[in-house]
Structures are given as structure tokens and as C-alpha cells.
Protein backbone atom coordinates (compact mmCIF):
# COMPACT_ATOMS: atom_id res chain seq x y z
CA MET A 1 -35.16 34.94 -55.08
CA ALA A 2 -36.14 31.95 -57.35
CA THR A 3 -33.60 29.49 -58.87
CA ALA A 4 -33.86 28.22 -62.00
CA GLY A 5 -35.17 24.69 -61.74
CA PRO A 6 -34.50 23.52 -58.18
CA ASP A 7 -31.04 21.84 -57.75
CA ARG A 8 -30.77 21.93 -61.55
CA PRO A 9 -28.68 24.75 -63.30
CA VAL A 10 -29.08 26.41 -66.44
CA LEU A 11 -26.58 24.94 -68.94
CA VAL A 12 -24.72 27.57 -71.20
CA ILE A 13 -22.77 26.34 -74.08
CA GLU A 14 -19.94 28.64 -75.53
CA ASN A 15 -19.26 27.02 -79.31
CA ASP A 16 -16.23 29.80 -79.83
CA LEU A 17 -13.17 31.58 -77.69
CA VAL A 18 -14.35 34.88 -79.31
CA ALA A 19 -18.00 34.67 -78.43
CA PRO A 20 -18.04 34.18 -74.60
CA VAL A 21 -21.40 34.24 -72.25
CA GLY A 22 -20.25 37.76 -71.77
CA ARG A 23 -22.66 40.01 -69.85
CA LEU A 24 -25.42 37.03 -70.17
CA GLU A 25 -23.65 35.33 -67.37
CA GLY A 26 -24.52 38.04 -64.82
CA TRP A 27 -27.93 38.76 -65.98
CA LEU A 28 -28.80 34.85 -65.23
CA ARG A 29 -26.85 34.74 -62.06
CA GLU A 30 -28.88 37.96 -61.18
CA ALA A 31 -31.99 36.53 -62.00
CA GLY A 32 -31.39 33.56 -59.77
CA ALA A 33 -30.18 30.94 -61.98
CA GLU A 34 -27.16 28.78 -61.33
CA LEU A 35 -24.85 27.89 -64.23
CA VAL A 36 -23.01 25.25 -65.66
CA LEU A 37 -20.61 26.87 -68.20
CA CYS A 38 -19.45 24.25 -71.36
CA SER A 39 -16.96 25.25 -73.86
CA PRO A 40 -16.61 22.87 -76.34
CA ALA A 41 -14.10 25.13 -78.28
CA ALA A 42 -12.02 24.49 -75.09
CA GLY A 43 -11.95 20.64 -74.95
CA ASP A 44 -15.18 20.61 -72.79
CA PRO A 45 -17.68 17.52 -73.56
CA LEU A 46 -20.92 18.31 -74.03
CA PRO A 47 -23.24 15.99 -71.66
CA ASP A 48 -25.21 12.79 -72.65
CA ASP A 49 -28.44 14.43 -72.28
CA LEU A 50 -30.40 17.19 -70.92
CA SER A 51 -31.77 15.51 -68.11
CA GLY A 52 -30.04 17.09 -65.27
CA TYR A 53 -30.52 21.09 -66.39
CA SER A 54 -33.34 23.38 -65.90
CA ALA A 55 -32.68 25.40 -69.38
CA LEU A 56 -29.96 25.55 -72.16
CA VAL A 57 -28.45 28.54 -73.79
CA VAL A 58 -26.37 28.07 -76.84
CA LEU A 59 -24.14 30.87 -77.89
CA GLY A 60 -22.46 31.96 -81.21
CA GLY A 61 -19.30 31.27 -83.39
CA THR A 62 -17.42 31.96 -86.04
CA MET A 63 -18.32 28.76 -87.90
CA ASN A 64 -21.48 27.88 -89.38
CA ALA A 65 -24.31 26.00 -88.28
CA TYR A 66 -23.13 22.69 -90.51
CA GLN A 67 -19.65 23.23 -90.16
CA ASP A 68 -18.87 19.83 -88.88
CA GLU A 69 -15.57 19.65 -90.00
CA VAL A 70 -14.41 22.47 -88.45
CA ALA A 71 -16.59 22.05 -85.34
CA GLY A 72 -16.51 18.62 -84.46
CA TRP A 73 -19.27 18.66 -81.50
CA LEU A 74 -22.03 20.46 -83.79
CA PRO A 75 -23.73 17.23 -84.59
CA GLU A 76 -24.10 16.33 -81.15
CA LEU A 77 -25.27 19.96 -80.02
CA ARG A 78 -27.58 19.74 -82.64
CA ALA A 79 -29.18 16.59 -81.25
CA LEU A 80 -29.36 18.29 -78.02
CA LEU A 81 -31.29 21.26 -79.44
CA ALA A 82 -33.60 18.56 -81.05
CA GLU A 83 -34.14 16.95 -77.37
CA ALA A 84 -34.41 20.58 -75.65
CA VAL A 85 -37.66 21.34 -78.23
CA ARG A 86 -38.93 17.57 -77.74
CA THR A 87 -38.90 17.81 -74.04
CA GLU A 88 -39.69 21.60 -73.61
CA LEU A 89 -36.84 22.65 -72.01
CA PRO A 90 -36.75 26.32 -71.92
CA THR A 91 -34.12 27.11 -74.83
CA LEU A 92 -32.36 30.16 -75.92
CA GLY A 93 -30.39 30.42 -78.84
CA VAL A 94 -27.84 33.43 -79.99
CA CYS A 95 -26.83 33.94 -83.22
CA LEU A 96 -25.13 30.63 -84.32
CA GLY A 97 -27.22 29.16 -81.20
CA GLY A 98 -30.37 30.34 -82.97
CA GLN A 99 -29.20 29.04 -86.51
CA LEU A 100 -28.37 25.53 -85.17
CA LEU A 101 -31.59 25.14 -83.09
CA ALA A 102 -33.39 26.32 -86.85
CA ALA A 103 -31.06 23.28 -88.15
CA ALA A 104 -31.74 20.99 -85.41
CA THR A 105 -35.66 21.17 -86.11
CA GLY A 106 -36.12 21.02 -89.70
CA GLY A 107 -35.14 24.57 -90.72
CA ARG A 108 -32.45 25.84 -93.08
CA VAL A 109 -29.40 28.07 -92.52
CA SER A 110 -27.76 29.88 -95.43
CA PRO A 111 -25.21 32.50 -96.16
CA ALA A 112 -27.03 35.90 -96.06
CA GLU A 113 -27.46 37.96 -98.99
CA THR A 114 -26.70 40.71 -97.14
CA PRO A 115 -24.40 40.28 -94.06
CA GLU A 116 -25.48 42.44 -90.46
CA TYR A 117 -22.78 44.59 -88.63
CA GLY A 118 -23.28 46.52 -85.45
CA ALA A 119 -25.83 48.31 -83.87
CA GLN A 120 -29.20 48.22 -85.04
CA LEU A 121 -33.08 47.44 -84.94
CA VAL A 122 -35.23 44.84 -85.37
CA ALA A 123 -38.95 44.72 -85.42
CA LYS A 124 -41.63 42.80 -83.56
CA ARG A 125 -44.36 40.77 -85.95
CA GLN A 126 -47.62 40.15 -84.50
CA ALA A 127 -47.60 36.83 -82.84
CA ALA A 128 -44.70 38.56 -80.38
CA ALA A 129 -47.73 39.90 -78.63
CA THR A 130 -48.81 36.92 -76.97
CA ASP A 131 -44.82 35.07 -76.66
CA PRO A 132 -43.92 34.55 -72.80
CA LEU A 133 -40.63 36.42 -73.88
CA PHE A 134 -41.09 38.66 -76.65
CA ARG A 135 -44.64 40.24 -75.44
CA GLU A 136 -42.86 43.10 -73.15
CA LEU A 137 -40.15 44.33 -75.75
CA PRO A 138 -40.70 47.68 -77.11
CA ILE A 139 -41.76 47.54 -81.02
CA THR A 140 -38.12 48.16 -82.53
CA PRO A 141 -35.48 46.66 -79.99
CA ASP A 142 -32.24 47.71 -80.14
CA VAL A 143 -29.88 44.67 -80.83
CA LEU A 144 -26.16 44.21 -82.10
CA GLN A 145 -25.91 42.45 -85.64
CA TRP A 146 -22.55 40.42 -86.16
CA HIS A 147 -23.55 37.66 -88.59
CA VAL A 148 -22.95 36.20 -92.30
CA ASP A 149 -25.22 33.51 -92.13
CA GLU A 150 -29.19 33.50 -91.47
CA VAL A 151 -32.03 31.62 -91.10
CA SER A 152 -33.55 31.09 -94.33
CA GLU A 153 -36.34 28.71 -93.78
CA LEU A 154 -38.01 28.31 -90.41
CA PRO A 155 -38.68 24.70 -89.00
CA PRO A 156 -41.94 23.45 -89.48
CA GLY A 157 -44.79 25.28 -86.94
CA ALA A 158 -42.24 27.99 -85.91
CA VAL A 159 -43.46 31.16 -84.85
CA LEU A 160 -41.56 34.47 -86.26
CA LEU A 161 -41.42 36.87 -83.65
CA ALA A 162 -39.12 39.86 -85.08
CA ALA A 163 -37.87 40.37 -88.47
CA SER A 164 -35.55 43.25 -90.29
CA PRO A 165 -35.85 44.30 -94.28
CA VAL A 166 -32.25 42.82 -94.78
CA CYS A 167 -32.86 39.59 -92.72
CA GLU A 168 -36.24 38.19 -92.20
CA VAL A 169 -35.75 35.90 -89.33
CA GLN A 170 -34.53 38.00 -86.56
CA ALA A 171 -36.18 35.95 -83.76
CA PHE A 172 -38.39 32.69 -83.77
CA ARG A 173 -40.11 30.27 -81.18
CA VAL A 174 -40.21 26.63 -82.19
CA GLY A 175 -42.38 24.55 -79.57
CA ARG A 176 -43.46 26.13 -76.51
CA ARG A 177 -40.41 26.81 -74.79
CA ALA A 178 -37.62 27.23 -77.29
CA TRP A 179 -36.53 30.53 -78.90
CA GLY A 180 -33.62 31.74 -81.42
CA VAL A 181 -32.10 35.10 -82.11
CA GLN A 182 -30.11 36.37 -85.11
CA PHE A 183 -28.77 38.78 -83.49
CA HIS A 184 -26.39 39.56 -80.13
CA ILE A 185 -27.31 40.53 -76.42
CA GLU A 186 -24.72 39.54 -74.43
CA THR A 187 -21.79 41.70 -76.04
CA THR A 188 -19.40 43.93 -74.20
CA PRO A 189 -17.37 46.50 -75.25
CA GLU A 190 -14.43 44.26 -75.31
CA ILE A 191 -15.86 41.42 -77.19
CA VAL A 192 -17.19 44.13 -79.92
CA THR A 193 -14.02 45.34 -80.29
CA ARG A 194 -12.06 41.74 -80.65
CA TRP A 195 -14.87 41.31 -83.31
CA ALA A 196 -14.04 44.52 -85.24
CA HIS A 197 -10.19 43.78 -85.15
CA ASN A 198 -10.90 40.10 -86.29
CA ASP A 199 -12.94 40.82 -89.41
CA ALA A 200 -11.04 44.30 -89.95
CA GLU A 201 -10.14 42.81 -93.55
CA LEU A 202 -13.77 41.46 -94.34
CA LEU A 203 -15.04 44.90 -93.26
CA ALA A 204 -12.57 46.69 -95.29
CA ASP A 205 -15.23 48.76 -97.29
CA TYR A 206 -17.24 49.61 -94.02
CA ASP A 207 -16.68 52.41 -91.84
CA LEU A 208 -15.33 50.37 -89.03
CA PRO A 209 -14.63 52.66 -86.43
CA ALA A 210 -18.26 54.13 -86.73
CA ILE A 211 -19.83 50.67 -86.47
CA LEU A 212 -17.50 50.07 -83.48
CA ASP A 213 -18.39 53.33 -82.06
CA ARG A 214 -21.84 53.11 -82.61
CA SER A 215 -21.94 49.49 -81.05
CA ILE A 216 -20.27 50.28 -78.01
CA ALA A 217 -22.71 53.33 -77.09
CA ALA A 218 -25.71 51.05 -77.93
CA LEU A 219 -24.75 48.56 -75.28
CA PRO A 220 -26.76 50.47 -72.44
CA ASP A 221 -30.04 50.38 -74.59
CA ILE A 222 -29.52 46.73 -75.11
CA ALA A 223 -29.24 45.78 -71.60
CA GLU A 224 -32.09 48.00 -71.09
CA THR A 225 -34.17 46.13 -73.24
CA TRP A 226 -32.90 42.61 -73.20
CA GLN A 227 -31.90 41.94 -69.20
CA PRO A 228 -35.68 41.66 -68.45
CA VAL A 229 -36.32 39.11 -70.90
CA VAL A 230 -33.34 37.34 -70.03
CA ALA A 231 -34.69 37.38 -66.24
CA ALA A 232 -38.19 36.37 -68.06
CA PHE A 233 -36.22 33.08 -68.98
CA VAL A 234 -35.08 32.22 -65.94
CA ALA A 235 -38.45 32.69 -64.43
CA LEU A 236 -39.78 30.48 -67.24
CA ALA A 237 -36.91 27.91 -66.35
CA ALA A 238 -37.88 28.04 -62.78
CA ASP A 239 -41.62 27.34 -63.70
CA PRO A 240 -42.36 26.38 -67.15
CA ALA A 241 -46.10 26.72 -66.75
CA LEU A 242 -45.56 30.07 -67.61
CA ALA A 243 -44.64 29.30 -71.37
CA ALA A 244 -47.65 26.47 -71.07
CA ASP A 245 -50.38 28.72 -73.24
CA PRO A 246 -50.39 32.00 -75.04
CA ALA A 247 -52.04 35.21 -73.35
CA PRO A 248 -55.58 35.33 -73.86
CA ALA A 249 -57.28 36.18 -77.39
CA GLY A 250 -57.72 39.66 -77.48
CA ALA A 251 -55.56 40.79 -74.85
CA GLY A 252 -53.51 43.39 -76.03
CA PRO A 253 -49.44 43.10 -75.47
CA ARG A 254 -48.17 45.18 -72.50
CA LEU A 255 -45.07 46.91 -74.12
CA LEU A 256 -42.35 48.25 -72.46
CA PRO A 257 -40.99 51.88 -73.52
CA MET A 258 -38.17 52.13 -76.04
CA VAL A 259 -35.14 54.20 -74.60
CA GLY A 260 -35.98 57.96 -74.74
CA ALA A 261 -39.82 57.30 -75.89
CA THR A 262 -42.91 57.94 -74.32
CA ALA A 263 -44.84 54.36 -73.37
CA THR A 264 -46.53 52.91 -75.90
CA THR A 265 -49.94 50.77 -75.77
CA ALA A 266 -49.90 50.36 -79.78
CA ALA A 267 -51.11 47.52 -81.19
CA PRO A 268 -48.23 44.48 -82.30
CA ILE A 269 -46.84 45.58 -85.86
CA THR A 270 -47.20 43.82 -88.84
CA ASP A 271 -44.86 45.58 -90.87
CA PRO A 272 -45.71 49.19 -91.37
CA ALA A 273 -44.13 51.24 -93.88
CA ALA A 274 -42.52 53.13 -91.27
CA ILE A 275 -41.07 50.63 -89.26
CA ARG A 276 -39.44 49.37 -92.40
CA ALA A 277 -37.87 52.83 -93.16
CA ALA A 278 -36.73 53.48 -90.18
CA LEU A 279 -34.88 50.18 -89.88
CA ALA A 280 -33.66 50.07 -93.48
CA ALA A 281 -32.07 53.97 -92.78
CA GLU A 282 -30.67 52.16 -89.47
CA LEU A 283 -28.76 49.44 -91.78
CA GLN A 284 -27.61 52.18 -94.37
CA ALA A 285 -26.15 54.16 -91.60
CA SER A 286 -24.11 51.12 -90.33
CA ARG A 287 -23.35 50.29 -93.92
CA GLU A 288 -21.78 53.54 -95.16
CA PRO A 289 -18.45 52.67 -97.06
CA PHE A 290 -15.49 54.29 -95.37
CA ARG A 291 -14.52 57.62 -97.35
CA HIS A 292 -10.65 57.33 -97.56
């Protein structure tokens, strides 16, 4: 099994003790990566540079992307993310990690008009058809949402890979080898349960038990969808040339089937009404207020 970057591990940064690496750790290791876990929230210092690593993964947290007074390491982390893009180090930012990636490379992060919680769908955009990580995904992959901020402006030159009716920037690539996602793929039942407990007051107007039940029920489908993406990321870390160029023009995407659906070779979507309706219905279901 290939190891990500011979003798060079993948650096995984945990920004918050309530947002740990979760099952992403097992997926990375199973794909052949050696890991260095760094938790600034627990007092671990960030590295001075990224020269000793084959890839970078930055996880989520309860702070926002500019809240340096709460998390004093954020300026240094944004600088590391900018370095990663500049040196084309394979990088994956999850939720806050994706927002930090955008902020570090000239984008903007703002409070979301409508926060998102629970198991939902996002829709691939046309550019995903030739993206090294996203081209194999189903058209509307399952994800777990839990965020109050969003990327409101993409960095210059960034490519939008997935969207939803409520939050336009669900996934993007900046440069050739750095990806940010607004949603979570790393969660476990224990992690989601902890978030629901911590945010019970914030979500008093939501049907929180239903959100939690649907979130936990969706985790196997999320794993089936996203573990291969993580494996592709590790392969790219071992051989960055895999992301050197997009797929040949005119070559259609090779899409994996959605769980419970027939495999499809449909052309990449741009934003069809049917997909928008499905995403809107999913969002509404997750936001139904609790009826006393």
C-alpha cells in the first residue's frame, strides 16, 4: 500500500476539542497515510513550515475564521494554509478549515444568513466533473452540516465544486491541490450527539431530536460516499502529479452511484430545478420547528 509522501506524514490540525479528527483518522490511515496530529486547542504548537509533510488537513471548530482573540494560533494557521496553496501541497479544509483556507487566500467568510444543521445533500457543480477528488462523487452527495458561518466570497481563481440553495459555497478548490468543504464528513455518532447537546439552546426552535436521529442514520451513507474521496486525497499526496491537469476536455465524469440508486452517467449538473427542489426539501425537513 502506498504511503503518502515517502517518509513524509500528513499533518492533521484539530482546532477545537469538540471537533476532533473522528473517523477521518481511520480513513486516512487505511488509505496508507502516516499522520501527525496537532491540536493547538490542547496547547500543541503549529509547525514553522510544511516542508516535512506530504499533505495538510485542517478541521473545524466553534470559533470563526477571524476570531484570533479566541484562538491565538489562527493567524499562524492561515499563513500555513497560504503556504500550502503557494507550494501546491495537497490540502483539505473541513468546515472551519475550509473557511480558513478561503480567508487565507483572498476570500471572505461571513455569518450565514441561514445556518445549516444535520444530514443534508449538496449538489455538484459542472467544474466537479474534472476535479481529481470530486469527479467520482454522485451528483448529490450526502453530507453532515453544522455551521453558522459561510464562505461568502471565493478566493481569486478558486473553482466552485458543490453548492446548495441556502449556502452557495459548499465545496471549492483553490490552486491545483487545495480543497475546502463547508460540511462535515468526519463525524461519529458521539461527535454529533455532543454538538446537539452543546447547541441545544441555540437550536431551541428546531426539532433537535429529529436532526440528531437523521444525522446519525446518515453517517453510513456519508462514509460510503466520502471515504473513497479521502483515499483519493491520500493517493494524491503520494503522487501530486495526479492533480497536475484536469481530465481531458470532453471526457465525461465517472460518477459513483448514490446509495440506493442506479449508477448514472448523466452529464455534470449546472443547477437543474429538480436538484434545487430536492435540496430545498431536505433543508426544510431538517429545519422543521419543534411542535410542543
